[in-house]
Amino acid sequence: AQGWEADSVAVMRELGVPVEWLTADRVGELFPSVRTDDLAFGLWEPHAGILRAAVGTRALVARAAALGAVVREGVCARPDGGGVRAGDEVLHADRVVWACGPWLAAPFGAPVAPRVTQQDAGWFAAGPGWRGDRVPAWVAFAGAAYGPGDHDGHGFKGSAGRPGPPLDPATHDRVAPS
């Protein structure tokens, strides 16, 4: 095998991360609800998980607050000389964490502006056989799509795997195209 998949397996093995290169038949044995008749192979990381950005961010904020950080939410904040303008108040601190995501360009301008594109995702109702512990994350390269099983009760997720059209997160209505 060659390509990025083989490179990924080599790196994971070098780092001691358990990984297996599976035949389509073996994928079907491990995950009976998955259709494998058009599957070339599977890569299985038995100890892998998913990263939930919102959950991680909330945990980080809670831990920082527990250690004495002052957390300000729901105000428009911008750099102001050596401080931070939060609404009508200018605050000063030893450290400031800007958790802006795709809105990063608003307070800091073009030098740090990320390229933000529309990435549509859909969640599909599915039975218990499609829970994340029973269905592996998947990638369909030809269709440029990917997703995991149902991890939070929202359904089986499918997302576009290619950058969509550019969008301004401050003005985008977040409605999927029809």
C-alpha atoms as a PDB file:
ATOM      1  CA  ALA A   1       0.000   0.000   0.000  1.00  0.00           C
ATOM      2  CA  GLN A   2       1.096   3.530  -0.710  1.00  0.00           C
ATOM      3  CA  GLY A   3      -0.248   7.068  -0.424  1.00  0.00           C
ATOM      4  CA  TRP A   4      -1.180   9.164   2.574  1.00  0.00           C
ATOM      5  CA  GLU A   5      -2.921   6.214   4.224  1.00  0.00           C
ATOM      6  CA  ALA A   6       0.278   4.140   4.241  1.00  0.00           C
ATOM      7  CA  ASP A   7       2.241   7.177   5.431  1.00  0.00           C
ATOM      8  CA  SER A   8      -0.286   7.653   8.259  1.00  0.00           C
ATOM      9  CA  VAL A   9       0.040   4.012   9.332  1.00  0.00           C
ATOM     10  CA  ALA A  10       3.842   4.301   9.335  1.00  0.00           C
ATOM     11  CA  VAL A  11       3.761   7.435  11.504  1.00  0.00           C
ATOM     12  CA  MET A  12       1.242   5.948  13.930  1.00  0.00           C
ATOM     13  CA  ARG A  13       3.275   2.761  14.291  1.00  0.00           C
ATOM     14  CA  GLU A  14       6.459   4.791  14.794  1.00  0.00           C
ATOM     15  CA  LEU A  15       4.681   6.671  17.599  1.00  0.00           C
ATOM     16  CA  GLY A  16       3.313   3.488  19.158  1.00  0.00           C
ATOM     17  CA  VAL A  17      -0.315   4.226  18.238  1.00  0.00           C
ATOM     18  CA  PRO A  18      -2.226   0.973  17.682  1.00  0.00           C
ATOM     19  CA  VAL A  19      -3.499   0.793  14.094  1.00  0.00           C
ATOM     20  CA  GLU A  20      -4.592  -1.993  11.772  1.00  0.00           C
ATOM     21  CA  TRP A  21      -4.922  -2.107   7.991  1.00  0.00           C
ATOM     22  CA  LEU A  22      -8.181  -4.013   7.438  1.00  0.00           C
ATOM     23  CA  THR A  23      -9.619  -5.846   4.466  1.00  0.00           C
ATOM     24  CA  ALA A  24     -13.188  -4.941   3.525  1.00  0.00           C
ATOM     25  CA  ASP A  25     -14.323  -8.323   4.898  1.00  0.00           C
ATOM     26  CA  ARG A  26     -12.706  -7.603   8.263  1.00  0.00           C
ATOM     27  CA  VAL A  27     -14.377  -4.158   8.379  1.00  0.00           C
ATOM     28  CA  GLY A  28     -17.705  -5.917   7.834  1.00  0.00           C
ATOM     29  CA  GLU A  29     -16.970  -8.344  10.671  1.00  0.00           C
ATOM     30  CA  LEU A  30     -16.089  -5.566  13.104  1.00  0.00           C
ATOM     31  CA  PHE A  31     -18.877  -3.207  11.992  1.00  0.00           C
ATOM     32  CA  PRO A  32     -21.787  -5.268  10.596  1.00  0.00           C
ATOM     33  CA  SER A  33     -23.955  -2.213   9.846  1.00  0.00           C
ATOM     34  CA  VAL A  34     -21.369  -0.833   7.391  1.00  0.00           C
ATOM     35  CA  ARG A  35     -21.724  -1.591   3.680  1.00  0.00           C
ATOM     36  CA  THR A  36     -18.348  -2.877   2.436  1.00  0.00           C
ATOM     37  CA  ASP A  37     -18.990  -4.066  -1.132  1.00  0.00           C
ATOM     38  CA  ASP A  38     -17.327  -0.937  -2.545  1.00  0.00           C
ATOM     39  CA  LEU A  39     -14.709  -0.594   0.191  1.00  0.00           C
ATOM     40  CA  ALA A  40     -11.031  -0.962  -0.769  1.00  0.00           C
ATOM     41  CA  PHE A  41      -9.751  -1.234   2.824  1.00  0.00           C
ATOM     42  CA  GLY A  42     -10.135   0.198   6.285  1.00  0.00           C
ATOM     43  CA  LEU A  43      -7.723   1.736   8.759  1.00  0.00           C
ATOM     44  CA  TRP A  44      -8.682   1.009  12.325  1.00  0.00           C
ATOM     45  CA  GLU A  45      -7.317   2.807  15.356  1.00  0.00           C
ATOM     46  CA  PRO A  46      -8.938   0.885  18.214  1.00  0.00           C
ATOM     47  CA  HIS A  47      -8.096   3.575  20.792  1.00  0.00           C
ATOM     48  CA  ALA A  48      -9.075   6.587  18.657  1.00  0.00           C
ATOM     49  CA  GLY A  49     -11.753   9.060  19.651  1.00  0.00           C
ATOM     50  CA  ILE A  50     -13.271  12.296  18.514  1.00  0.00           C
ATOM     51  CA  LEU A  51     -12.425  15.818  19.571  1.00  0.00           C
ATOM     52  CA  ARG A  52     -15.374  18.029  20.435  1.00  0.00           C
ATOM     53  CA  ALA A  53     -14.159  21.617  20.124  1.00  0.00           C
ATOM     54  CA  ALA A  54     -17.054  23.204  22.038  1.00  0.00           C
ATOM     55  CA  VAL A  55     -16.759  20.730  24.930  1.00  0.00           C
ATOM     56  CA  GLY A  56     -12.983  21.222  25.074  1.00  0.00           C
ATOM     57  CA  THR A  57     -13.303  25.008  25.015  1.00  0.00           C
ATOM     58  CA  ARG A  58     -15.888  24.996  27.820  1.00  0.00           C
ATOM     59  CA  ALA A  59     -13.632  22.714  29.919  1.00  0.00           C
ATOM     60  CA  LEU A  60     -10.652  25.003  29.336  1.00  0.00           C
ATOM     61  CA  VAL A  61     -12.647  28.095  30.345  1.00  0.00           C
ATOM     62  CA  ALA A  62     -13.978  26.378  33.474  1.00  0.00           C
ATOM     63  CA  ARG A  63     -10.467  25.263  34.487  1.00  0.00           C
ATOM     64  CA  ALA A  64      -9.007  28.722  33.843  1.00  0.00           C
ATOM     65  CA  ALA A  65     -11.782  30.331  35.919  1.00  0.00           C
ATOM     66  CA  ALA A  66     -11.191  27.812  38.736  1.00  0.00           C
ATOM     67  CA  LEU A  67      -7.524  28.878  38.727  1.00  0.00           C
ATOM     68  CA  GLY A  68      -8.419  32.571  38.978  1.00  0.00           C
ATOM     69  CA  ALA A  69      -8.862  33.740  35.394  1.00  0.00           C
ATOM     70  CA  VAL A  70     -11.500  36.397  34.779  1.00  0.00           C
ATOM     71  CA  VAL A  71     -13.840  35.256  32.026  1.00  0.00           C
ATOM     72  CA  ARG A  72     -15.896  37.781  30.059  1.00  0.00           C
ATOM     73  CA  GLU A  73     -18.566  36.413  27.748  1.00  0.00           C
ATOM     74  CA  GLY A  74     -21.136  38.067  25.541  1.00  0.00           C
ATOM     75  CA  VAL A  75     -19.304  41.342  24.975  1.00  0.00           C
ATOM     76  CA  CYS A  76     -17.623  42.573  21.844  1.00  0.00           C
ATOM     77  CA  ALA A  77     -13.898  42.616  22.640  1.00  0.00           C
ATOM     78  CA  ARG A  78     -11.103  44.262  20.640  1.00  0.00           C
ATOM     79  CA  PRO A  79      -7.430  44.989  21.244  1.00  0.00           C
ATOM     80  CA  ASP A  80      -6.978  48.482  22.695  1.00  0.00           C
ATOM     81  CA  GLY A  81      -3.308  49.477  22.997  1.00  0.00           C
ATOM     82  CA  GLY A  82      -1.914  47.291  25.784  1.00  0.00           C
ATOM     83  CA  GLY A  83      -5.372  46.248  26.942  1.00  0.00           C
ATOM     84  CA  VAL A  84      -8.636  44.785  25.792  1.00  0.00           C
ATOM     85  CA  ARG A  85     -11.736  46.861  25.166  1.00  0.00           C
ATOM     86  CA  ALA A  86     -14.724  44.805  26.330  1.00  0.00           C
ATOM     87  CA  GLY A  87     -17.812  46.861  25.652  1.00  0.00           C
ATOM     88  CA  ASP A  88     -17.190  50.259  27.299  1.00  0.00           C
ATOM     89  CA  GLU A  89     -14.460  48.993  29.626  1.00  0.00           C
ATOM     90  CA  VAL A  90     -10.697  48.643  28.960  1.00  0.00           C
ATOM     91  CA  LEU A  91      -9.221  45.649  30.792  1.00  0.00           C
ATOM     92  CA  HIS A  92      -5.581  44.781  31.436  1.00  0.00           C
ATOM     93  CA  ALA A  93      -4.146  41.344  32.170  1.00  0.00           C
ATOM     94  CA  ASP A  94      -0.888  39.396  32.212  1.00  0.00           C
ATOM     95  CA  ARG A  95      -2.258  37.148  29.461  1.00  0.00           C
ATOM     96  CA  VAL A  96      -5.247  37.410  27.122  1.00  0.00           C
ATOM     97  CA  VAL A  97      -6.672  34.439  25.239  1.00  0.00           C
ATOM     98  CA  TRP A  98      -8.551  35.280  22.059  1.00  0.00           C
ATOM     99  CA  ALA A  99     -10.897  32.393  21.209  1.00  0.00           C
ATOM    100  CA  CYS A 100     -12.338  33.888  18.017  1.00  0.00           C
ATOM    101  CA  GLY A 101     -12.480  30.946  15.624  1.00  0.00           C
ATOM    102  CA  PRO A 102     -13.431  32.139  12.141  1.00  0.00           C
ATOM    103  CA  TRP A 103     -14.141  35.625  13.530  1.00  0.00           C
ATOM    104  CA  LEU A 104     -10.401  36.179  14.129  1.00  0.00           C
ATOM    105  CA  ALA A 105     -10.128  38.839  11.421  1.00  0.00           C
ATOM    106  CA  ALA A 106     -12.671  41.137  13.120  1.00  0.00           C
ATOM    107  CA  PRO A 107     -10.491  42.202  16.068  1.00  0.00           C
ATOM    108  CA  PHE A 108      -7.083  41.778  14.419  1.00  0.00           C
ATOM    109  CA  GLY A 109      -7.504  42.556  10.713  1.00  0.00           C
ATOM    110  CA  ALA A 110      -6.137  41.043   7.525  1.00  0.00           C
ATOM    111  CA  PRO A 111      -2.640  39.942   8.684  1.00  0.00           C
ATOM    112  CA  VAL A 112      -4.195  37.082  10.663  1.00  0.00           C
ATOM    113  CA  ALA A 113      -7.424  36.596   8.712  1.00  0.00           C
ATOM    114  CA  PRO A 114      -8.179  32.895   8.253  1.00  0.00           C
ATOM    115  CA  ARG A 115      -9.693  31.674   5.000  1.00  0.00           C
ATOM    116  CA  VAL A 116     -13.252  30.809   6.047  1.00  0.00           C
ATOM    117  CA  THR A 117     -15.345  28.630   3.766  1.00  0.00           C
ATOM    118  CA  GLN A 118     -18.833  27.220   4.028  1.00  0.00           C
ATOM    119  CA  GLN A 119     -18.718  23.588   5.157  1.00  0.00           C
ATOM    120  CA  ASP A 120     -22.161  22.053   5.224  1.00  0.00           C
ATOM    121  CA  ALA A 121     -22.861  19.062   7.452  1.00  0.00           C
ATOM    122  CA  GLY A 122     -25.957  16.957   7.878  1.00  0.00           C
ATOM    123  CA  TRP A 123     -27.089  14.705  10.706  1.00  0.00           C
ATOM    124  CA  PHE A 124     -29.262  11.751   9.784  1.00  0.00           C
ATOM    125  CA  ALA A 125     -31.570   9.937  12.164  1.00  0.00           C
ATOM    126  CA  ALA A 126     -30.369   6.408  12.699  1.00  0.00           C
ATOM    127  CA  GLY A 127     -31.028   3.539  15.058  1.00  0.00           C
ATOM    128  CA  PRO A 128     -28.794   2.315  17.876  1.00  0.00           C
ATOM    129  CA  GLY A 129     -26.658   0.351  15.393  1.00  0.00           C
ATOM    130  CA  TRP A 130     -25.270   3.673  14.167  1.00  0.00           C
ATOM    131  CA  ARG A 131     -23.940   4.897  17.511  1.00  0.00           C
ATOM    132  CA  GLY A 132     -20.348   6.062  17.344  1.00  0.00           C
ATOM    133  CA  ASP A 133     -19.111   3.069  19.318  1.00  0.00           C
ATOM    134  CA  ARG A 134     -20.608   0.745  16.693  1.00  0.00           C
ATOM    135  CA  VAL A 135     -19.798   2.614  13.467  1.00  0.00           C
ATOM    136  CA  PRO A 136     -16.341   3.865  12.536  1.00  0.00           C
ATOM    137  CA  ALA A 137     -15.597   7.330  11.266  1.00  0.00           C
ATOM    138  CA  TRP A 138     -15.577   7.211   7.471  1.00  0.00           C
ATOM    139  CA  VAL A 139     -14.153   9.010   4.478  1.00  0.00           C
ATOM    140  CA  ALA A 140     -15.451   8.742   0.902  1.00  0.00           C
ATOM    141  CA  PHE A 141     -12.629  10.238  -1.139  1.00  0.00           C
ATOM    142  CA  ALA A 142     -14.422  10.060  -4.489  1.00  0.00           C
ATOM    143  CA  GLY A 143     -17.434  11.869  -3.038  1.00  0.00           C
ATOM    144  CA  ALA A 144     -15.335  14.230  -0.891  1.00  0.00           C
ATOM    145  CA  ALA A 145     -17.320  13.468   2.238  1.00  0.00           C
ATOM    146  CA  TYR A 146     -16.609  12.232   5.736  1.00  0.00           C
ATOM    147  CA  GLY A 147     -18.225  11.760   9.120  1.00  0.00           C
ATOM    148  CA  PRO A 148     -18.543   9.775  12.331  1.00  0.00           C
ATOM    149  CA  GLY A 149     -21.372   7.689  13.742  1.00  0.00           C
ATOM    150  CA  ASP A 150     -23.839   9.167  16.239  1.00  0.00           C
ATOM    151  CA  HIS A 151     -21.887  10.329  19.303  1.00  0.00           C
ATOM    152  CA  ASP A 152     -24.231  12.847  20.902  1.00  0.00           C
ATOM    153  CA  GLY A 153     -27.725  11.717  19.982  1.00  0.00           C
ATOM    154  CA  HIS A 154     -27.895  14.094  17.005  1.00  0.00           C
ATOM    155  CA  GLY A 155     -27.631  11.340  14.381  1.00  0.00           C
ATOM    156  CA  PHE A 156     -25.083   9.998  11.933  1.00  0.00           C
ATOM    157  CA  LYS A 157     -23.026  12.896  10.552  1.00  0.00           C
ATOM    158  CA  GLY A 158     -22.033  13.537   6.949  1.00  0.00           C
ATOM    159  CA  SER A 159     -19.838  16.524   6.010  1.00  0.00           C
ATOM    160  CA  ALA A 160     -18.379  17.950   2.827  1.00  0.00           C
ATOM    161  CA  GLY A 161     -14.697  17.136   2.478  1.00  0.00           C
ATOM    162  CA  ARG A 162     -13.799  19.990   0.141  1.00  0.00           C
ATOM    163  CA  PRO A 163     -13.706  23.701   0.926  1.00  0.00           C
ATOM    164  CA  GLY A 164     -16.981  25.372   0.063  1.00  0.00           C
ATOM    165  CA  PRO A 165     -17.471  28.948  -1.108  1.00  0.00           C
ATOM    166  CA  PRO A 166     -15.907  31.734   0.959  1.00  0.00           C
ATOM    167  CA  LEU A 167     -18.146  33.202   3.632  1.00  0.00           C
ATOM    168  CA  ASP A 168     -18.141  35.971   6.186  1.00  0.00           C
ATOM    169  CA  PRO A 169     -19.011  34.376   9.542  1.00  0.00           C
ATOM    170  CA  ALA A 170     -20.299  37.708  10.846  1.00  0.00           C
ATOM    171  CA  THR A 171     -23.016  37.973   8.189  1.00  0.00           C
ATOM    172  CA  HIS A 172     -23.657  34.371   7.049  1.00  0.00           C
ATOM    173  CA  ASP A 173     -27.175  33.202   7.922  1.00  0.00           C
ATOM    174  CA  ARG A 174     -26.089  29.573   8.575  1.00  0.00           C
ATOM    175  CA  VAL A 175     -28.931  28.177   6.499  1.00  0.00           C
ATOM    176  CA  ALA A 176     -27.984  25.226   4.307  1.00  0.00           C
ATOM    177  CA  PRO A 177     -28.337  25.868   0.582  1.00  0.00           C
ATOM    178  CA  SER A 178     -31.433  24.400  -1.047  1.00  0.00           C
END
